[in-house]
N, C-alpha and C. Protein backbone atom coordinates (compact mmCIF):
# COMPACT_ATOMS: atom_id res chain seq x y z
N UNK A 1 116.51 85.68 161.84
CA UNK A 1 116.14 84.45 161.19
C UNK A 1 116.12 83.91 162.70
N UNK A 2 115.23 83.28 163.21
CA UNK A 2 114.89 82.49 164.57
C UNK A 2 115.88 81.76 164.83
N UNK A 3 115.87 81.65 166.29
CA UNK A 3 117.32 80.91 167.09
C UNK A 3 116.31 80.15 167.67
N UNK A 4 116.54 78.53 167.02
CA UNK A 4 115.71 77.49 167.74
C UNK A 4 115.91 76.93 169.17
N UNK A 5 117.02 77.70 169.29
CA UNK A 5 117.29 77.68 171.26
C UNK A 5 116.38 78.03 171.84
N UNK A 6 115.91 79.11 171.60
CA UNK A 6 114.82 79.82 172.18
C UNK A 6 113.48 79.11 172.38
N UNK A 7 113.29 78.11 171.31
CA UNK A 7 111.85 77.12 171.21
C UNK A 7 112.20 76.09 171.70
N UNK A 8 113.48 75.41 172.44
CA UNK A 8 113.69 74.19 172.94
C UNK A 8 112.36 73.83 173.76
N UNK A 9 111.93 74.75 174.48
CA UNK A 9 111.10 73.83 175.43
C UNK A 9 109.96 74.17 174.88
N UNK A 10 109.43 74.73 173.63
CA UNK A 10 108.18 74.95 173.26
C UNK A 10 107.76 74.66 171.91
N UNK A 11 108.84 73.90 171.05
CA UNK A 11 108.61 73.78 169.58
C UNK A 11 107.36 73.17 169.39
N UNK A 12 107.37 71.74 170.01
CA UNK A 12 106.18 71.19 169.65
C UNK A 12 104.89 71.58 170.01
N UNK A 13 104.44 72.00 171.48
CA UNK A 13 103.27 72.97 171.65
C UNK A 13 103.19 74.03 170.62
N UNK A 14 103.93 74.80 169.98
CA UNK A 14 103.80 75.77 169.34
C UNK A 14 103.02 75.34 168.05
N UNK A 15 103.44 74.15 167.33
CA UNK A 15 103.37 73.42 166.31
C UNK A 15 101.79 73.16 166.47
N UNK A 16 102.00 72.26 167.33
CA UNK A 16 100.24 71.59 167.86
C UNK A 16 99.35 72.62 167.58
N UNK A 17 99.68 74.05 168.37
CA UNK A 17 98.45 74.85 168.49
C UNK A 17 98.32 75.44 167.28
N UNK A 18 99.25 75.76 166.44
CA UNK A 18 98.53 75.83 165.20
C UNK A 18 98.19 75.81 164.14
N UNK A 19 98.12 73.69 164.14
CA UNK A 19 97.80 73.33 163.38
C UNK A 19 96.32 72.61 164.08
N UNK A 20 95.72 73.17 165.07
CA UNK A 20 95.23 72.46 165.66
C UNK A 20 93.77 72.21 164.72
N UNK A 21 93.25 73.02 164.16
CA UNK A 21 92.27 73.40 162.89
C UNK A 21 92.00 72.37 162.43
N UNK A 22 93.21 71.79 161.99
CA UNK A 22 93.13 70.54 160.47
C UNK A 22 92.41 69.15 161.78
N UNK A 23 93.13 69.11 162.70
CA UNK A 23 92.44 67.62 163.27
C UNK A 23 93.85 66.65 163.57
N UNK A 24 94.90 66.97 163.20
CA UNK A 24 96.07 66.20 163.05
C UNK A 24 97.24 66.83 164.03
N UNK A 25 97.88 66.18 164.62
CA UNK A 25 99.08 67.14 165.52
C UNK A 25 100.20 66.62 165.29
N UNK A 26 101.66 67.66 165.43
CA UNK A 26 102.99 67.26 165.14
C UNK A 26 102.86 65.53 164.98
N UNK A 27 102.81 64.66 165.86
CA UNK A 27 103.58 63.34 165.97
C UNK A 27 102.78 62.70 164.33
N UNK A 28 101.53 62.82 164.18
CA UNK A 28 101.20 62.30 163.23
C UNK A 28 101.54 62.72 162.00
N UNK A 29 102.39 63.89 161.63
CA UNK A 29 103.09 64.09 160.85
C UNK A 29 104.76 63.48 160.76
N UNK A 30 105.33 63.58 161.81
CA UNK A 30 106.20 62.79 162.13
C UNK A 30 106.40 61.65 161.81
N UNK A 31 105.13 60.91 162.21
CA UNK A 31 105.43 59.27 162.32
C UNK A 31 105.15 58.94 160.76
N UNK A 32 104.21 59.88 159.85
CA UNK A 32 104.03 59.32 158.45
C UNK A 32 105.61 59.66 157.80
N UNK A 33 106.17 60.73 158.08
CA UNK A 33 107.39 61.02 157.64
C UNK A 33 108.56 59.74 157.62
N UNK A 34 108.68 59.26 159.00
CA UNK A 34 109.25 58.21 159.25
C UNK A 34 108.99 57.01 158.57
N UNK A 35 107.83 56.92 158.14
CA UNK A 35 107.11 56.01 157.86
C UNK A 35 107.83 55.74 156.23
N UNK A 36 107.72 56.82 155.47
CA UNK A 36 107.98 57.40 154.10
C UNK A 36 109.57 57.43 153.99
N UNK A 37 110.36 57.32 155.13
CA UNK A 37 111.86 57.48 154.71
C UNK A 37 112.24 56.02 155.04
N UNK A 38 111.36 55.09 155.70
CA UNK A 38 111.90 53.71 155.55
C UNK A 38 111.35 52.70 154.29
N UNK A 39 110.41 53.52 153.94
CA UNK A 39 109.70 52.81 152.58
C UNK A 39 111.40 53.31 151.26
N UNK A 40 111.26 54.28 151.55
CA UNK A 40 112.26 54.53 150.71
C UNK A 40 113.72 53.91 150.68
N UNK A 41 114.23 53.44 151.80
CA UNK A 41 115.37 52.79 151.94
C UNK A 41 114.94 51.19 151.62
N UNK A 42 113.97 50.73 151.96
CA UNK A 42 113.35 49.26 151.71
C UNK A 42 113.50 49.40 150.34
N UNK A 43 113.15 50.36 149.14
CA UNK A 43 112.72 50.15 147.96
C UNK A 43 114.53 50.62 147.26
N UNK A 44 115.31 50.89 147.80
CA UNK A 44 116.54 51.54 147.38
C UNK A 44 117.69 50.26 147.73
N UNK A 45 117.36 49.60 148.81
CA UNK A 45 118.45 48.96 149.27
C UNK A 45 118.06 47.52 149.56
N UNK A 46 118.82 46.72 149.83
CA UNK A 46 118.16 45.27 149.95
C UNK A 46 117.18 44.74 151.57
N UNK A 47 116.79 44.19 151.57
CA UNK A 47 115.88 43.91 152.74
C UNK A 47 116.95 43.69 154.02
N UNK A 48 118.36 43.32 154.23
CA UNK A 48 118.86 43.03 155.18
C UNK A 48 119.94 44.69 155.42
N UNK A 49 119.69 45.39 154.75
CA UNK A 49 120.74 46.53 154.40
C UNK A 49 120.03 47.58 155.68
N UNK A 50 121.07 47.63 156.94
CA UNK A 50 120.62 48.55 157.92
C UNK A 50 121.62 50.15 157.52
N UNK A 51 120.61 51.16 157.21
CA UNK A 51 121.33 52.41 156.73
C UNK A 51 121.77 52.89 157.47
N UNK A 52 123.27 53.50 157.20
CA UNK A 52 123.59 54.68 157.98
C UNK A 52 122.70 56.16 157.55
N UNK A 53 121.96 56.50 158.44
CA UNK A 53 121.32 57.69 158.19
C UNK A 53 121.92 58.96 158.45
N UNK A 54 121.99 60.14 158.10
CA UNK A 54 122.12 61.49 158.56
C UNK A 54 120.69 62.39 158.82
N UNK A 55 120.63 62.67 159.51
CA UNK A 55 119.42 63.89 159.84
C UNK A 55 119.91 65.24 159.94
N UNK A 56 120.06 65.82 159.03
CA UNK A 56 120.73 67.30 159.05
C UNK A 56 119.43 68.06 159.30
N UNK A 57 119.70 69.25 160.42
CA UNK A 57 118.65 69.90 161.16
C UNK A 57 117.61 69.32 161.85
N UNK A 58 118.12 67.92 162.72
CA UNK A 58 117.48 66.90 163.19
C UNK A 58 117.09 68.06 164.73
N UNK A 59 116.81 68.82 165.28
CA UNK A 59 115.92 69.51 166.10
C UNK A 59 116.20 68.20 167.36
N UNK A 60 115.01 68.16 167.90
CA UNK A 60 114.24 67.16 169.12
C UNK A 60 114.78 65.42 168.55
N UNK A 61 115.15 65.36 167.56
CA UNK A 61 114.80 64.14 166.80
C UNK A 61 113.97 63.47 166.94
N UNK A 62 112.75 63.97 166.72
CA UNK A 62 111.07 63.33 167.28
C UNK A 62 110.85 62.05 166.36
N UNK A 63 111.94 62.34 164.69
CA UNK A 63 111.85 61.27 164.01
C UNK A 63 112.86 60.07 164.52
N UNK A 64 113.48 60.38 164.92
CA UNK A 64 114.90 58.95 165.11
C UNK A 64 113.67 58.01 166.01
N UNK A 65 112.78 57.64 166.69
CA UNK A 65 112.58 56.27 167.29
C UNK A 65 111.90 55.53 166.30
N UNK A 66 111.31 56.14 165.20
CA UNK A 66 110.90 55.53 163.72
C UNK A 66 112.01 54.86 163.10
N UNK A 67 113.07 55.81 162.90
CA UNK A 67 113.65 55.06 162.43
C UNK A 67 114.87 54.12 163.09
N UNK A 68 114.65 54.40 164.26
CA UNK A 68 115.49 53.66 165.07
C UNK A 68 115.32 52.05 165.50
N UNK A 69 113.75 52.19 165.34
CA UNK A 69 113.10 50.82 165.90
C UNK A 69 113.26 49.93 164.74
N UNK A 70 113.91 50.71 163.43
CA UNK A 70 113.68 49.75 162.06
C UNK A 70 115.15 48.78 162.38
N UNK A 71 116.08 49.32 163.21
CA UNK A 71 117.55 49.28 163.21
C UNK A 71 118.21 49.77 162.56
N UNK A 72 118.28 51.02 161.95
CA UNK A 72 119.15 52.03 161.03
C UNK A 72 119.90 52.67 162.33
N UNK A 73 120.81 53.16 161.79
CA UNK A 73 121.98 53.62 162.46
C UNK A 73 122.01 55.24 162.31
N UNK A 74 121.09 56.35 163.52
CA UNK A 74 121.01 57.43 162.94
C UNK A 74 122.12 58.47 164.01
N UNK A 75 122.44 59.50 162.88
CA UNK A 75 123.43 60.63 162.92
C UNK A 75 122.95 61.85 163.11
N UNK A 76 122.62 62.54 163.87
CA UNK A 76 121.81 64.09 163.94
C UNK A 76 122.84 65.06 164.11
N UNK A 77 122.69 65.92 162.66
CA UNK A 77 123.07 67.08 163.17
C UNK A 77 122.21 68.66 163.27
N UNK A 78 122.62 69.60 164.14
CA UNK A 78 121.28 70.73 164.54
C UNK A 78 122.79 71.72 164.72
N UNK A 79 122.39 72.90 163.99
CA UNK A 79 122.85 74.26 164.64
C UNK A 79 122.38 75.12 166.28
N UNK A 80 121.40 74.53 166.66
CA UNK A 80 120.93 74.63 167.56
C UNK A 80 121.35 73.73 168.80
N UNK A 81 122.46 74.28 169.46
CA UNK A 81 122.72 73.22 170.10
C UNK A 81 122.42 72.86 171.59
N UNK A 82 121.55 73.92 172.11
CA UNK A 82 120.75 73.36 173.73
C UNK A 82 119.34 72.50 172.71
N UNK A 83 119.28 72.61 171.67
CA UNK A 83 118.19 71.57 171.00
C UNK A 83 118.55 70.17 171.45
N UNK A 84 120.13 69.93 171.37
CA UNK A 84 120.40 68.76 171.49
C UNK A 84 120.29 67.76 172.28
N UNK A 85 120.35 68.83 173.46
CA UNK A 85 120.36 68.34 175.20
C UNK A 85 118.85 67.30 174.87
N UNK A 86 117.77 68.02 174.57
CA UNK A 86 116.62 67.19 174.56
C UNK A 86 116.76 66.19 173.45
N UNK A 87 117.40 65.87 172.25
CA UNK A 87 117.61 64.92 171.49
C UNK A 87 117.86 63.55 172.44
N UNK A 88 119.34 63.88 172.74
CA UNK A 88 119.92 63.40 173.38
C UNK A 88 119.45 62.43 174.40
N UNK A 89 118.79 62.65 175.23
CA UNK A 89 118.31 63.11 176.45
C UNK A 89 116.92 61.74 175.79
N UNK A 90 116.26 61.84 175.11
CA UNK A 90 115.07 61.01 174.35
C UNK A 90 115.53 59.91 173.45
N UNK A 91 116.89 59.80 172.73
CA UNK A 91 117.32 58.76 171.95
C UNK A 91 118.78 58.58 172.10
N UNK A 92 118.76 58.13 173.01
CA UNK A 92 120.16 57.57 173.77
C UNK A 92 120.91 56.92 172.54
N UNK A 93 120.45 56.14 171.97
CA UNK A 93 121.26 55.60 171.09
C UNK A 93 121.54 55.99 169.86
N UNK A 94 121.23 57.38 169.65
CA UNK A 94 121.56 58.35 168.47
C UNK A 94 122.76 59.10 168.52
N UNK A 95 123.59 59.16 167.37
CA UNK A 95 124.83 59.92 167.62
C UNK A 95 124.71 61.33 167.28
N UNK A 96 124.45 62.11 168.08
CA UNK A 96 124.25 63.96 167.82
C UNK A 96 125.68 64.73 167.58
N UNK A 97 125.67 65.73 166.82
CA UNK A 97 126.55 66.41 166.60
C UNK A 97 126.68 68.38 166.67
N UNK A 98 126.68 69.23 167.21
CA UNK A 98 126.61 70.23 166.55
C UNK A 98 127.19 70.40 165.36
N UNK A 99 126.66 71.73 164.45
CA UNK A 99 126.64 71.81 163.31
C UNK A 99 126.87 73.20 162.99
N UNK A 100 128.16 73.90 162.23
CA UNK A 100 127.81 75.53 161.98
C UNK A 100 126.62 75.74 161.17
N UNK A 101 126.18 74.79 160.63
CA UNK A 101 125.53 75.16 158.92
C UNK A 101 126.18 75.63 157.53
N UNK A 102 127.19 75.45 158.10
CA UNK A 102 127.77 75.73 156.42
C UNK A 102 128.20 74.33 156.14
N UNK A 103 129.43 73.45 156.75
CA UNK A 103 130.08 72.33 156.34
C UNK A 103 129.81 71.25 157.69
N UNK A 104 129.15 70.28 157.27
CA UNK A 104 129.06 68.92 157.43
C UNK A 104 130.33 68.33 158.16
N UNK A 105 130.03 67.75 159.37
CA UNK A 105 131.44 67.88 160.31
C UNK A 105 131.55 65.76 159.86
N UNK A 106 132.04 65.54 158.59
CA UNK A 106 131.92 64.54 158.44
C UNK A 106 132.77 64.12 156.91
N UNK A 107 133.35 63.04 156.53
CA UNK A 107 134.09 62.89 155.27
C UNK A 107 133.29 62.75 154.37
N UNK A 108 133.54 62.58 153.19
CA UNK A 108 132.90 62.35 152.09
C UNK A 108 132.47 60.70 152.05
N UNK A 109 131.34 60.71 151.69
CA UNK A 109 130.75 59.37 151.36
C UNK A 109 130.84 58.40 152.70
N UNK A 110 130.05 59.34 153.89
CA UNK A 110 129.93 58.88 154.97
C UNK A 110 128.89 58.35 155.29
N UNK A 111 127.51 58.40 154.45
CA UNK A 111 126.10 58.05 154.76
C UNK A 111 125.47 57.39 153.72
N UNK A 112 124.69 56.33 153.63
CA UNK A 112 123.83 55.60 153.00
C UNK A 112 122.29 56.82 152.18
N UNK A 113 121.99 57.26 153.20
CA UNK A 113 120.94 58.30 153.56
C UNK A 113 121.10 59.70 154.30
N UNK A 114 120.51 60.70 153.58
CA UNK A 114 120.74 62.34 154.25
C UNK A 114 119.44 62.16 154.19
N UNK A 115 118.76 62.96 155.23
CA UNK A 115 117.28 63.52 155.17
C UNK A 115 117.41 64.87 156.07
N UNK A 116 116.20 66.03 155.21
CA UNK A 116 116.39 67.39 156.31
C UNK A 116 114.91 67.38 155.93
N UNK A 117 114.17 67.49 156.95
CA UNK A 117 112.79 67.82 157.39
C UNK A 117 112.67 68.90 157.60
N UNK A 118 111.47 70.05 156.95
CA UNK A 118 111.77 71.40 156.90
C UNK A 118 112.57 72.23 157.29
N UNK A 119 113.48 71.92 156.53
CA UNK A 119 114.88 72.44 156.95
C UNK A 119 115.29 73.90 155.73
N UNK A 120 115.50 72.86 154.94
CA UNK A 120 115.58 74.40 153.58
C UNK A 120 115.39 75.73 153.65
N UNK A 121 114.01 75.96 154.01
CA UNK A 121 113.06 77.19 154.26
C UNK A 121 113.93 77.99 154.94
N UNK A 122 114.76 77.36 156.20
CA UNK A 122 115.29 78.31 157.39
C UNK A 122 116.75 78.51 157.14
N UNK A 123 117.32 77.74 155.77
CA UNK A 123 118.73 78.08 155.39
C UNK A 123 118.65 79.42 154.65
N UNK A 124 119.65 80.45 154.84
CA UNK A 124 119.50 81.08 154.03
C UNK A 124 119.46 81.01 152.31
N UNK A 125 118.68 81.90 151.68
CA UNK A 125 118.82 81.48 150.20
C UNK A 125 120.14 81.44 149.32
N UNK A 126 121.14 82.40 149.95
CA UNK A 126 122.07 82.18 149.22
C UNK A 126 123.16 80.84 149.50
N UNK A 127 122.84 80.40 150.31
CA UNK A 127 123.44 79.03 150.99
C UNK A 127 122.67 77.84 150.27
N UNK A 128 121.73 77.80 149.90
CA UNK A 128 121.42 77.04 149.38
C UNK A 128 122.03 76.21 148.38
N UNK A 129 122.38 76.97 147.29
CA UNK A 129 123.82 75.78 146.63
C UNK A 129 124.23 74.82 147.47
N UNK A 130 125.26 75.57 147.96
CA UNK A 130 126.03 74.99 149.28
C UNK A 130 125.51 73.73 150.05
N UNK A 131 124.58 74.05 150.81
CA UNK A 131 123.80 73.13 151.47
C UNK A 131 123.24 71.84 150.65
N UNK A 132 122.92 72.09 149.53
CA UNK A 132 122.92 71.20 148.35
C UNK A 132 124.23 70.32 148.05
N UNK A 133 125.17 70.83 147.83
CA UNK A 133 126.33 70.42 147.93
C UNK A 133 126.67 69.30 148.90
N UNK A 134 126.88 69.93 150.07
CA UNK A 134 127.20 69.56 151.27
C UNK A 134 126.41 67.81 151.42
N UNK A 135 125.12 67.70 151.19
CA UNK A 135 124.19 66.69 151.52
C UNK A 135 124.60 65.40 149.94
N UNK A 136 125.40 65.88 149.44
CA UNK A 136 125.46 65.14 147.85
C UNK A 136 127.28 64.79 148.34
N UNK A 137 127.68 65.27 148.91
CA UNK A 137 129.35 65.28 149.44
C UNK A 137 129.25 64.29 150.30
N UNK A 138 128.32 64.12 151.71
CA UNK A 138 128.45 62.85 152.52
C UNK A 138 127.94 62.01 152.23
N UNK A 139 127.20 61.40 151.46
CA UNK A 139 125.77 60.36 150.82
C UNK A 139 127.06 59.70 150.09
N UNK A 140 127.34 58.31 149.79
CA UNK A 140 127.91 57.43 149.09
C UNK A 140 127.17 57.43 148.11
N UNK A 141 127.94 56.99 147.08
CA UNK A 141 127.25 56.92 145.65
C UNK A 141 126.26 55.18 145.74
N UNK A 142 125.37 55.67 145.06
CA UNK A 142 124.18 54.73 145.24
C UNK A 142 123.40 55.41 146.51
N UNK A 143 123.57 56.21 147.12
CA UNK A 143 122.66 56.66 148.35
C UNK A 143 122.04 57.49 147.82
N UNK A 144 121.16 58.22 148.71
CA UNK A 144 119.93 59.10 148.49
C UNK A 144 119.45 59.98 149.21
N UNK A 145 119.07 61.01 148.86
CA UNK A 145 118.75 62.25 149.80
C UNK A 145 117.11 62.14 149.57
N UNK A 146 116.45 62.70 151.21
CA UNK A 146 115.33 62.72 150.93
C UNK A 146 114.87 63.94 151.87
N UNK A 147 114.33 65.01 151.19
CA UNK A 147 113.84 66.42 152.00
C UNK A 147 112.49 66.56 151.72
N UNK A 148 112.36 66.67 153.08
CA UNK A 148 110.88 67.46 152.99
C UNK A 148 110.82 68.89 153.30
N UNK A 149 109.70 69.25 152.46
CA UNK A 149 109.70 70.64 152.62
C UNK A 149 107.88 71.21 152.28
N UNK A 150 107.70 72.45 152.80
CA UNK A 150 106.56 72.99 152.75
C UNK A 150 106.34 73.34 151.34
N UNK A 151 105.01 72.92 151.01
CA UNK A 151 104.09 73.06 149.63
C UNK A 151 103.90 75.00 149.40
N UNK A 152 104.82 75.66 148.66
CA UNK A 152 104.81 77.18 148.12
C UNK A 152 103.11 77.41 147.74
N UNK A 153 102.47 76.18 147.04
CA UNK A 153 101.33 76.22 146.16
C UNK A 153 100.17 75.85 146.69
N UNK A 154 100.44 75.04 148.05
CA UNK A 154 99.27 74.97 149.03
C UNK A 154 99.05 76.44 150.30
N UNK A 155 97.59 76.56 149.49
CA UNK A 155 97.19 78.32 150.46
C UNK A 155 97.15 78.21 152.06
N UNK A 156 96.77 77.12 152.32
CA UNK A 156 96.85 76.48 154.10
C UNK A 156 98.25 76.91 154.14
N UNK A 157 99.19 75.89 153.68
CA UNK A 157 100.84 76.18 153.97
C UNK A 157 101.23 77.54 154.35
N UNK A 158 100.76 78.35 152.71
CA UNK A 158 101.52 79.73 152.97
C UNK A 158 100.70 80.53 154.21
N UNK A 159 99.41 80.63 154.25
CA UNK A 159 99.00 80.79 155.59
C UNK A 159 99.55 80.35 156.97
N UNK A 160 99.92 79.22 156.74
CA UNK A 160 100.90 78.73 158.66
C UNK A 160 101.76 79.56 158.20
N UNK A 161 102.74 79.45 157.38
CA UNK A 161 104.14 79.85 157.27
C UNK A 161 104.17 81.17 157.45
N UNK A 162 103.79 82.03 157.25
CA UNK A 162 103.04 83.37 157.27
C UNK A 162 102.93 83.91 158.73
N UNK A 163 101.67 83.12 159.35
CA UNK A 163 101.01 83.54 160.40
C UNK A 163 100.94 82.59 161.25
N UNK A 164 101.42 81.49 161.31
CA UNK A 164 101.27 80.00 162.23
C UNK A 164 102.81 80.34 162.99
N UNK A 165 102.75 79.07 163.82
CA UNK A 165 103.90 79.08 164.55
C UNK A 165 104.53 79.86 165.45
N UNK A 166 103.92 80.56 165.71
CA UNK A 166 104.39 81.62 166.56
C UNK A 166 105.58 82.49 166.38
N UNK A 167 105.46 82.67 165.09
CA UNK A 167 106.70 83.23 164.24
C UNK A 167 107.79 82.63 163.83
N UNK A 168 107.81 81.26 164.48
CA UNK A 168 109.31 80.66 163.78
C UNK A 168 109.75 80.40 162.31
N UNK A 169 108.88 80.53 161.62
CA UNK A 169 109.21 80.58 160.06
C UNK A 169 109.50 82.49 159.85
N UNK A 170 109.50 83.16 160.69
CA UNK A 170 110.03 84.64 160.53
C UNK A 170 111.28 84.85 159.94
N UNK A 171 111.21 85.07 158.48
CA UNK A 171 112.46 85.56 158.21
C UNK A 171 112.90 84.37 156.87
N UNK A 172 112.00 83.49 157.17
CA UNK A 172 112.18 82.08 156.41
C UNK A 172 111.86 82.34 154.97
N UNK A 173 112.41 81.47 153.95
CA UNK A 173 111.86 81.80 152.75
C UNK A 173 111.48 80.49 152.03
N UNK A 174 110.64 80.27 151.73
CA UNK A 174 109.92 78.82 151.30
C UNK A 174 110.31 77.99 149.52
N UNK A 175 110.78 77.30 149.65
CA UNK A 175 111.47 76.70 148.33
C UNK A 175 110.59 75.85 147.46
N UNK A 176 110.22 76.50 146.23
CA UNK A 176 109.68 75.14 145.49
C UNK A 176 110.11 74.37 144.80
N UNK A 177 109.41 72.93 144.56
CA UNK A 177 110.01 72.29 143.93
C UNK A 177 110.90 72.10 143.04
N UNK A 178 110.53 72.94 141.94
CA UNK A 178 111.23 72.81 141.20
C UNK A 178 112.97 73.36 141.33
N UNK A 179 112.62 74.38 142.08
CA UNK A 179 114.22 75.09 142.77
C UNK A 179 115.10 74.10 143.10
N UNK A 180 114.25 73.00 144.22
CA UNK A 180 114.77 72.43 145.20
C UNK A 180 115.76 70.87 144.39
N UNK A 181 114.75 70.69 143.28
CA UNK A 181 115.27 69.65 142.25
C UNK A 181 116.46 70.01 141.88
N UNK A 182 116.47 71.54 141.01
CA UNK A 182 117.77 72.00 140.30
C UNK A 182 118.95 72.11 141.57
N UNK A 183 118.53 72.47 142.70
CA UNK A 183 119.59 72.72 143.75
C UNK A 183 120.54 71.12 143.78
N UNK A 184 119.57 70.14 143.99
CA UNK A 184 120.15 68.66 144.30
C UNK A 184 121.08 68.61 142.87
N UNK A 185 120.28 68.75 141.87
CA UNK A 185 121.13 68.34 140.51
C UNK A 185 122.51 68.92 140.57
N UNK A 186 122.47 70.48 140.77
CA UNK A 186 123.35 71.02 140.41
C UNK A 186 124.33 70.66 141.57
N UNK A 187 123.97 69.98 142.58
CA UNK A 187 124.96 70.00 143.85
C UNK A 187 125.78 68.43 143.72
N UNK A 188 125.19 67.44 142.74
CA UNK A 188 125.65 66.51 142.53
C UNK A 188 124.88 64.95 142.09
N UNK A 189 123.86 65.44 142.45
CA UNK A 189 122.39 64.21 142.55
C UNK A 189 122.33 63.45 141.04
N UNK A 190 122.51 62.43 140.85
CA UNK A 190 122.13 62.24 139.17
C UNK A 190 120.56 62.12 139.00
N UNK A 191 119.81 61.46 139.90
CA UNK A 191 118.52 61.54 139.49
C UNK A 191 117.46 62.19 140.83
N UNK A 192 116.41 62.88 139.89
CA UNK A 192 115.85 63.41 141.42
C UNK A 192 114.44 63.69 140.79
N UNK A 193 113.72 63.33 141.78
CA UNK A 193 112.27 62.90 141.60
C UNK A 193 111.39 64.00 143.20
N UNK A 194 109.99 64.49 142.81
CA UNK A 194 109.54 64.52 143.68
C UNK A 194 108.05 64.38 143.58
N UNK A 195 107.28 64.20 144.74
CA UNK A 195 106.40 64.12 145.14
C UNK A 195 105.27 65.02 146.12
N UNK A 196 103.91 65.27 145.88
CA UNK A 196 103.07 66.11 147.15
C UNK A 196 102.82 65.06 148.11
N UNK A 197 102.87 65.69 149.26
CA UNK A 197 102.34 64.53 150.41
C UNK A 197 101.40 65.23 151.03
N UNK A 198 100.80 64.77 151.77
CA UNK A 198 99.78 65.43 153.09
C UNK A 198 98.46 66.12 152.19
N UNK A 199 97.79 65.24 151.78
CA UNK A 199 96.56 66.23 151.00
C UNK A 199 95.35 66.10 151.79
N UNK A 200 95.91 64.87 152.81
CA UNK A 200 94.75 65.06 154.13
C UNK A 200 95.27 64.62 155.66
N UNK A 201 94.70 64.95 156.60
CA UNK A 201 95.50 65.06 157.95
C UNK A 201 95.20 63.61 158.36
N UNK A 202 94.81 62.73 157.81
CA UNK A 202 94.10 61.32 158.65
C UNK A 202 95.09 59.95 158.16
N UNK A 203 95.01 59.12 158.85
CA UNK A 203 95.97 58.01 159.00
C UNK A 203 95.41 57.26 158.79
N UNK A 204 94.06 57.16 158.62
CA UNK A 204 93.24 55.38 158.00
C UNK A 204 94.15 54.74 156.78
N UNK A 205 94.05 53.95 156.53
CA UNK A 205 94.51 53.13 155.25
C UNK A 205 93.86 53.63 153.84
N UNK A 206 92.90 54.24 154.17
CA UNK A 206 92.24 54.80 152.58
C UNK A 206 92.84 56.23 152.50
N UNK A 207 93.25 56.86 153.22
CA UNK A 207 93.62 58.22 153.22
C UNK A 207 94.98 58.36 152.74
N UNK A 208 96.01 57.63 153.28
CA UNK A 208 97.39 57.01 153.12
C UNK A 208 97.46 56.67 151.79
N UNK A 209 96.33 55.97 151.20
CA UNK A 209 96.73 55.30 149.64
C UNK A 209 95.96 56.29 149.22
N UNK A 210 95.17 57.53 149.45
CA UNK A 210 94.48 58.74 148.33
C UNK A 210 96.13 59.51 148.58
N UNK A 211 96.57 59.67 149.52
CA UNK A 211 98.05 60.74 149.28
C UNK A 211 99.34 60.23 148.24
N UNK A 212 99.09 58.99 148.11
CA UNK A 212 99.92 58.04 147.16
C UNK A 212 99.39 58.61 145.67
N UNK A 213 97.83 58.09 145.69
CA UNK A 213 97.38 58.44 144.56
C UNK A 213 97.17 59.45 143.87
N UNK A 214 97.37 60.60 144.66
CA UNK A 214 97.44 62.22 144.35
C UNK A 214 98.55 62.70 144.30
N UNK A 215 99.86 62.32 144.46
CA UNK A 215 101.19 62.83 144.79
C UNK A 215 101.76 63.35 143.45
N UNK A 216 100.74 63.42 142.41
CA UNK A 216 101.45 64.20 141.18
C UNK A 216 100.89 65.48 141.39
N UNK A 217 99.79 65.58 142.12
CA UNK A 217 98.93 66.87 142.25
C UNK A 217 99.75 67.70 143.05
N UNK A 218 100.12 68.97 142.55
CA UNK A 218 101.07 70.12 143.29
C UNK A 218 99.89 71.16 143.99
N UNK A 219 99.61 70.34 145.12
CA UNK A 219 98.62 71.10 146.01
C UNK A 219 98.61 70.55 147.71
N UNK A 220 99.80 69.43 147.51
CA UNK A 220 99.49 68.69 149.28
C UNK A 220 100.20 69.93 149.93
N UNK A 221 100.13 69.79 151.13
CA UNK A 221 100.72 70.80 151.68
C UNK A 221 102.10 70.58 152.09
N UNK A 222 103.26 69.52 151.66
CA UNK A 222 104.64 69.71 151.31
C UNK A 222 104.70 68.87 150.76
N UNK A 223 105.91 68.57 150.00
CA UNK A 223 106.41 68.03 149.19
C UNK A 223 107.72 67.19 149.69
N UNK A 224 108.00 65.76 148.84
CA UNK A 224 109.31 65.23 149.35
C UNK A 224 109.93 65.08 148.42
N UNK A 225 111.47 65.63 147.90
CA UNK A 225 112.07 65.10 146.90
C UNK A 225 113.04 64.17 147.62
N UNK A 226 113.03 63.26 146.14
CA UNK A 226 114.17 62.35 146.48
C UNK A 226 115.36 61.77 145.45
N UNK A 227 116.53 62.13 145.70
CA UNK A 227 117.33 62.37 144.92
C UNK A 227 118.58 60.94 145.04
N UNK A 228 119.44 60.78 143.83
CA UNK A 228 120.09 59.76 143.82
C UNK A 228 121.09 59.93 143.72
N UNK A 229 122.22 59.57 144.41
CA UNK A 229 123.65 59.85 144.37
C UNK A 229 123.94 58.73 143.21
């Protein structure tokens, strides 16, 4: 399994190099995911709510400016401790913690929202159930869990997973939507649903509408699974 401390200086460059042929960069996908998270929060909570958000496997904290600018309180945890130095420098308003990959260092019912962006496939398969239970444990009743993952049914995604990203996914295991939904239900979530995302790499209003319209079709590059506590 890759140690992400080793890619702390080149993570974004390696991703951009691998996906350059599609006409979008890492920043596009991060910003769009940030918008999706904000939309989920606005639909789940009152407009005045400033959510407490936990980002599990937060890495460099690339999505945190989008969430922080909306007024939410962000906490990030990451097992690659050296990467957190970059995150703290870029996002001084965010609270970052090292994490052992097993037990989240917070009491039960600590957050309104927990997110994990393309993290589960890096968790050893044997630890998937425990990972899902930990997410449920730290989210308050009435809160939400939002997980973004690569879609194993998309051939381009499978190709990049195997040959791209300069080997960052070597030793990782793609998790399918139905498996992830089951893990979250078994871990304590009350309702779980998924939608497929990123059918196109374009940011225009029409293409974002098209993505939403096709969310039921299992061929988007990634999918978003939403669980409610």
